[in-house]
Amino acid sequence: MGLKGKYKSDEVAVQEAIERYTTLFNRSLDAVYLPDLEGRFIDANNAGCVNPFPMVGL
């Protein structure tokens, strides 16, 4: 396999990993929150949006 073919297979592998991550994130029944480096939430899956602050008061 030439260098060009290697890059193409790497691109395909990265795209497949992104699709697996996205599916896992979106279909999880558990709340998943993604914070930025300052601790602010920048994303949440559907389960996390049902009750966006289940940990308040713990």
PDB file of N, CA and C in Angstrom:
ATOM      1  N   MET A   1       0.851  -1.168   0.000  1.00  0.00           N
ATOM      2  CA  MET A   1       0.000   0.000   0.000  1.00  0.00           C
ATOM      3  C   MET A   1       0.893   1.226   0.000  1.00  0.00           C
ATOM      4  N   GLY A   2       0.605   2.144  -0.907  1.00  0.00           N
ATOM      5  CA  GLY A   2       1.376   3.370  -0.971  1.00  0.00           C
ATOM      6  C   GLY A   2       0.972   4.337   0.132  1.00  0.00           C
ATOM      7  N   LEU A   3       1.723   5.413   0.240  1.00  0.00           N
ATOM      8  CA  LEU A   3       1.472   6.417   1.272  1.00  0.00           C
ATOM      9  C   LEU A   3       0.084   7.034   1.114  1.00  0.00           C
ATOM     10  N   LYS A   4      -0.315   7.280  -0.126  1.00  0.00           N
ATOM     11  CA  LYS A   4      -1.630   7.865  -0.381  1.00  0.00           C
ATOM     12  C   LYS A   4      -2.736   6.920   0.094  1.00  0.00           C
ATOM     13  N   GLY A   5      -2.573   5.630  -0.139  1.00  0.00           N
ATOM     14  CA  GLY A   5      -3.549   4.639   0.319  1.00  0.00           C
ATOM     15  C   GLY A   5      -3.614   4.565   1.836  1.00  0.00           C
ATOM     16  N   LYS A   6      -2.473   4.731   2.500  1.00  0.00           N
ATOM     17  CA  LYS A   6      -2.430   4.711   3.967  1.00  0.00           C
ATOM     18  C   LYS A   6      -3.226   5.873   4.534  1.00  0.00           C
ATOM     19  N   TYR A   7      -3.031   7.070   3.971  1.00  0.00           N
ATOM     20  CA  TYR A   7      -3.778   8.232   4.448  1.00  0.00           C
ATOM     21  C   TYR A   7      -5.270   8.041   4.259  1.00  0.00           C
ATOM     22  N   LYS A   8      -5.658   7.465   3.128  1.00  0.00           N
ATOM     23  CA  LYS A   8      -7.075   7.246   2.859  1.00  0.00           C
ATOM     24  C   LYS A   8      -7.658   6.282   3.886  1.00  0.00           C
ATOM     25  N   SER A   9      -6.932   5.202   4.201  1.00  0.00           N
ATOM     26  CA  SER A   9      -7.454   4.255   5.182  1.00  0.00           C
ATOM     27  C   SER A   9      -7.490   4.878   6.569  1.00  0.00           C
ATOM     28  N   ASP A  10      -6.542   5.775   6.888  1.00  0.00           N
ATOM     29  CA  ASP A  10      -6.567   6.488   8.166  1.00  0.00           C
ATOM     30  C   ASP A  10      -7.780   7.409   8.241  1.00  0.00           C
ATOM     31  N   GLU A  11      -8.082   8.089   7.141  1.00  0.00           N
ATOM     32  CA  GLU A  11      -9.247   8.972   7.104  1.00  0.00           C
ATOM     33  C   GLU A  11     -10.534   8.182   7.315  1.00  0.00           C
ATOM     34  N   VAL A  12     -10.624   7.019   6.708  1.00  0.00           N
ATOM     35  CA  VAL A  12     -11.799   6.163   6.866  1.00  0.00           C
ATOM     36  C   VAL A  12     -11.909   5.694   8.311  1.00  0.00           C
ATOM     37  N   ALA A  13     -10.799   5.314   8.914  1.00  0.00           N
ATOM     38  CA  ALA A  13     -10.804   4.859  10.305  1.00  0.00           C
ATOM     39  C   ALA A  13     -11.241   5.978  11.242  1.00  0.00           C
ATOM     40  N   VAL A  14     -10.774   7.187  11.003  1.00  0.00           N
ATOM     41  CA  VAL A  14     -11.179   8.330  11.832  1.00  0.00           C
ATOM     42  C   VAL A  14     -12.667   8.599  11.662  1.00  0.00           C
ATOM     43  N   GLN A  15     -13.165   8.571  10.448  1.00  0.00           N
ATOM     44  CA  GLN A  15     -14.591   8.813  10.205  1.00  0.00           C
ATOM     45  C   GLN A  15     -15.443   7.746  10.882  1.00  0.00           C
ATOM     46  N   GLU A  16     -15.022   6.495  10.824  1.00  0.00           N
ATOM     47  CA  GLU A  16     -15.761   5.419  11.486  1.00  0.00           C
ATOM     48  C   GLU A  16     -15.759   5.597  13.000  1.00  0.00           C
ATOM     49  N   ALA A  17     -14.643   6.026  13.565  1.00  0.00           N
ATOM     50  CA  ALA A  17     -14.561   6.265  15.009  1.00  0.00           C
ATOM     51  C   ALA A  17     -15.488   7.410  15.415  1.00  0.00           C
ATOM     52  N   ILE A  18     -15.541   8.454  14.620  1.00  0.00           N
ATOM     53  CA  ILE A  18     -16.440   9.579  14.904  1.00  0.00           C
ATOM     54  C   ILE A  18     -17.890   9.116  14.878  1.00  0.00           C
ATOM     55  N   GLU A  19     -18.245   8.298  13.904  1.00  0.00           N
ATOM     56  CA  GLU A  19     -19.614   7.793  13.807  1.00  0.00           C
ATOM     57  C   GLU A  19     -19.963   6.907  14.998  1.00  0.00           C
ATOM     58  N   ARG A  20     -19.025   6.075  15.448  1.00  0.00           N
ATOM     59  CA  ARG A  20     -19.275   5.224  16.622  1.00  0.00           C
ATOM     60  C   ARG A  20     -19.452   6.076  17.877  1.00  0.00           C
ATOM     61  N   TYR A  21     -18.608   7.066  18.063  1.00  0.00           N
ATOM     62  CA  TYR A  21     -18.698   7.955  19.220  1.00  0.00           C
ATOM     63  C   TYR A  21     -20.038   8.698  19.216  1.00  0.00           C
ATOM     64  N   THR A  22     -20.400   9.247  18.062  1.00  0.00           N
ATOM     65  CA  THR A  22     -21.640  10.004  17.950  1.00  0.00           C
ATOM     66  C   THR A  22     -22.846   9.126  18.264  1.00  0.00           C
ATOM     67  N   THR A  23     -22.855   7.911  17.761  1.00  0.00           N
ATOM     68  CA  THR A  23     -23.947   6.984  18.036  1.00  0.00           C
ATOM     69  C   THR A  23     -24.015   6.656  19.519  1.00  0.00           C
ATOM     70  N   LEU A  24     -22.880   6.363  20.123  1.00  0.00           N
ATOM     71  CA  LEU A  24     -22.841   6.045  21.554  1.00  0.00           C
ATOM     72  C   LEU A  24     -23.333   7.238  22.376  1.00  0.00           C
ATOM     73  N   PHE A  25     -22.865   8.426  22.057  1.00  0.00           N
ATOM     74  CA  PHE A  25     -23.256   9.645  22.767  1.00  0.00           C
ATOM     75  C   PHE A  25     -24.759   9.887  22.653  1.00  0.00           C
ATOM     76  N   ASN A  26     -25.285   9.809  21.444  1.00  0.00           N
ATOM     77  CA  ASN A  26     -26.686  10.143  21.209  1.00  0.00           C
ATOM     78  C   ASN A  26     -27.665   9.085  21.711  1.00  0.00           C
ATOM     79  N   ARG A  27     -27.283   7.820  21.690  1.00  0.00           N
ATOM     80  CA  ARG A  27     -28.203   6.750  22.064  1.00  0.00           C
ATOM     81  C   ARG A  27     -28.086   6.295  23.518  1.00  0.00           C
ATOM     82  N   SER A  28     -27.150   6.829  24.252  1.00  0.00           N
ATOM     83  CA  SER A  28     -26.960   6.422  25.639  1.00  0.00           C
ATOM     84  C   SER A  28     -28.176   6.797  26.477  1.00  0.00           C
ATOM     85  N   LEU A  29     -28.617   5.883  27.321  1.00  0.00           N
ATOM     86  CA  LEU A  29     -29.721   6.159  28.235  1.00  0.00           C
ATOM     87  C   LEU A  29     -29.235   6.937  29.457  1.00  0.00           C
ATOM     88  N   ASP A  30     -27.931   6.974  29.666  1.00  0.00           N
ATOM     89  CA  ASP A  30     -27.328   7.740  30.756  1.00  0.00           C
ATOM     90  C   ASP A  30     -27.044   9.158  30.276  1.00  0.00           C
ATOM     91  N   ALA A  31     -27.143  10.094  31.188  1.00  0.00           N
ATOM     92  CA  ALA A  31     -26.812  11.481  30.864  1.00  0.00           C
ATOM     93  C   ALA A  31     -25.310  11.596  30.633  1.00  0.00           C
ATOM     94  N   VAL A  32     -24.941  12.237  29.541  1.00  0.00           N
ATOM     95  CA  VAL A  32     -23.538  12.484  29.222  1.00  0.00           C
ATOM     96  C   VAL A  32     -23.380  13.975  28.977  1.00  0.00           C
ATOM     97  N   TYR A  33     -22.484  14.594  29.739  1.00  0.00           N
ATOM     98  CA  TYR A  33     -22.211  16.025  29.612  1.00  0.00           C
ATOM     99  C   TYR A  33     -20.767  16.210  29.183  1.00  0.00           C
ATOM    100  N   LEU A  34     -20.531  17.182  28.311  1.00  0.00           N
ATOM    101  CA  LEU A  34     -19.175  17.509  27.882  1.00  0.00           C
ATOM    102  C   LEU A  34     -18.846  18.922  28.342  1.00  0.00           C
ATOM    103  N   PRO A  35     -17.917  19.058  29.292  1.00  0.00           N
ATOM    104  CA  PRO A  35     -17.522  20.397  29.745  1.00  0.00           C
ATOM    105  C   PRO A  35     -16.310  20.912  28.968  1.00  0.00           C
ATOM    106  N   ASP A  36     -16.172  22.233  28.940  1.00  0.00           N
ATOM    107  CA  ASP A  36     -14.943  22.799  28.390  1.00  0.00           C
ATOM    108  C   ASP A  36     -13.902  22.858  29.511  1.00  0.00           C
ATOM    109  N   LEU A  37     -12.761  23.439  29.236  1.00  0.00           N
ATOM    110  CA  LEU A  37     -11.684  23.466  30.220  1.00  0.00           C
ATOM    111  C   LEU A  37     -12.000  24.325  31.443  1.00  0.00           C
ATOM    112  N   GLU A  38     -12.979  25.229  31.336  1.00  0.00           N
ATOM    113  CA  GLU A  38     -13.382  26.044  32.479  1.00  0.00           C
ATOM    114  C   GLU A  38     -14.522  25.391  33.271  1.00  0.00           C
ATOM    115  N   GLY A  39     -14.982  24.227  32.828  1.00  0.00           N
ATOM    116  CA  GLY A  39     -16.049  23.522  33.528  1.00  0.00           C
ATOM    117  C   GLY A  39     -17.457  23.868  33.062  1.00  0.00           C
ATOM    118  N   ARG A  40     -17.578  24.683  32.028  1.00  0.00           N
ATOM    119  CA  ARG A  40     -18.893  25.015  31.473  1.00  0.00           C
ATOM    120  C   ARG A  40     -19.336  23.894  30.549  1.00  0.00           C
ATOM    121  N   PHE A  41     -20.606  23.525  30.629  1.00  0.00           N
ATOM    122  CA  PHE A  41     -21.115  22.477  29.753  1.00  0.00           C
ATOM    123  C   PHE A  41     -21.243  23.010  28.335  1.00  0.00           C
ATOM    124  N   ILE A  42     -20.666  22.281  27.385  1.00  0.00           N
ATOM    125  CA  ILE A  42     -20.737  22.692  25.991  1.00  0.00           C
ATOM    126  C   ILE A  42     -21.614  21.759  25.167  1.00  0.00           C
ATOM    127  N   ASP A  43     -21.952  20.598  25.730  1.00  0.00           N
ATOM    128  CA  ASP A  43     -22.824  19.665  25.016  1.00  0.00           C
ATOM    129  C   ASP A  43     -23.400  18.672  26.009  1.00  0.00           C
ATOM    130  N   ALA A  44     -24.544  18.122  25.663  1.00  0.00           N
ATOM    131  CA  ALA A  44     -25.179  17.082  26.457  1.00  0.00           C
ATOM    132  C   ALA A  44     -26.007  16.228  25.511  1.00  0.00           C
ATOM    133  N   ASN A  45     -26.132  14.953  25.847  1.00  0.00           N
ATOM    134  CA  ASN A  45     -26.964  14.095  25.017  1.00  0.00           C
ATOM    135  C   ASN A  45     -28.426  14.262  25.427  1.00  0.00           C
ATOM    136  N   ASN A  46     -29.328  13.558  24.742  1.00  0.00           N
ATOM    137  CA  ASN A  46     -30.761  13.685  25.023  1.00  0.00           C
ATOM    138  C   ASN A  46     -31.092  13.325  26.461  1.00  0.00           C
ATOM    139  N   ALA A  47     -30.480  12.293  27.002  1.00  0.00           N
ATOM    140  CA  ALA A  47     -30.746  11.893  28.386  1.00  0.00           C
ATOM    141  C   ALA A  47     -30.327  12.989  29.354  1.00  0.00           C
ATOM    142  N   GLY A  48     -29.293  13.720  29.028  1.00  0.00           N
ATOM    143  CA  GLY A  48     -28.846  14.813  29.873  1.00  0.00           C
ATOM    144  C   GLY A  48     -29.739  16.034  29.784  1.00  0.00           C
ATOM    145  N   CYS A  49     -30.514  16.127  28.724  1.00  0.00           N
ATOM    146  CA  CYS A  49     -31.411  17.276  28.554  1.00  0.00           C
ATOM    147  C   CYS A  49     -32.759  17.063  29.234  1.00  0.00           C
ATOM    148  N   VAL A  50     -33.110  15.831  29.568  1.00  0.00           N
ATOM    149  CA  VAL A  50     -34.374  15.566  30.257  1.00  0.00           C
ATOM    150  C   VAL A  50     -34.359  16.244  31.612  1.00  0.00           C
ATOM    151  N   ASN A  51     -33.290  16.031  32.369  1.00  0.00           N
ATOM    152  CA  ASN A  51     -33.080  16.709  33.648  1.00  0.00           C
ATOM    153  C   ASN A  51     -31.651  17.239  33.585  1.00  0.00           C
ATOM    154  N   PRO A  52     -31.481  18.480  33.129  1.00  0.00           N
ATOM    155  CA  PRO A  52     -30.134  18.955  32.854  1.00  0.00           C
ATOM    156  C   PRO A  52     -29.222  19.116  34.062  1.00  0.00           C
ATOM    157  N   PHE A  53     -29.755  19.058  35.277  1.00  0.00           N
ATOM    158  CA  PHE A  53     -28.913  19.199  36.460  1.00  0.00           C
ATOM    159  C   PHE A  53     -29.236  18.150  37.518  1.00  0.00           C
ATOM    160  N   PRO A  54     -29.088  16.867  37.184  1.00  0.00           N
ATOM    161  CA  PRO A  54     -29.447  15.820  38.150  1.00  0.00           C
ATOM    162  C   PRO A  54     -28.482  15.761  39.345  1.00  0.00           C
ATOM    163  N   MET A  55     -27.325  16.369  39.234  1.00  0.00           N
ATOM    164  CA  MET A  55     -26.344  16.280  40.295  1.00  0.00           C
ATOM    165  C   MET A  55     -26.426  17.442  41.278  1.00  0.00           C
ATOM    166  N   VAL A  56     -27.268  18.418  41.026  1.00  0.00           N
ATOM    167  CA  VAL A  56     -27.394  19.566  41.928  1.00  0.00           C
ATOM    168  C   VAL A  56     -27.888  19.084  43.278  1.00  0.00           C
ATOM    169  N   GLY A  57     -27.223  19.509  44.315  1.00  0.00           N
ATOM    170  CA  GLY A  57     -27.622  19.137  45.672  1.00  0.00           C
ATOM    171  C   GLY A  57     -26.931  17.916  46.205  1.00  0.00           C
ATOM    172  N   LEU A  58     -26.051  17.289  45.420  1.00  0.00           N
ATOM    173  CA  LEU A  58     -25.333  16.114  45.906  1.00  0.00           C
ATOM    174  C   LEU A  58     -24.237  16.522  46.849  1.00  0.00           C
TER     175      LEU A  58
END
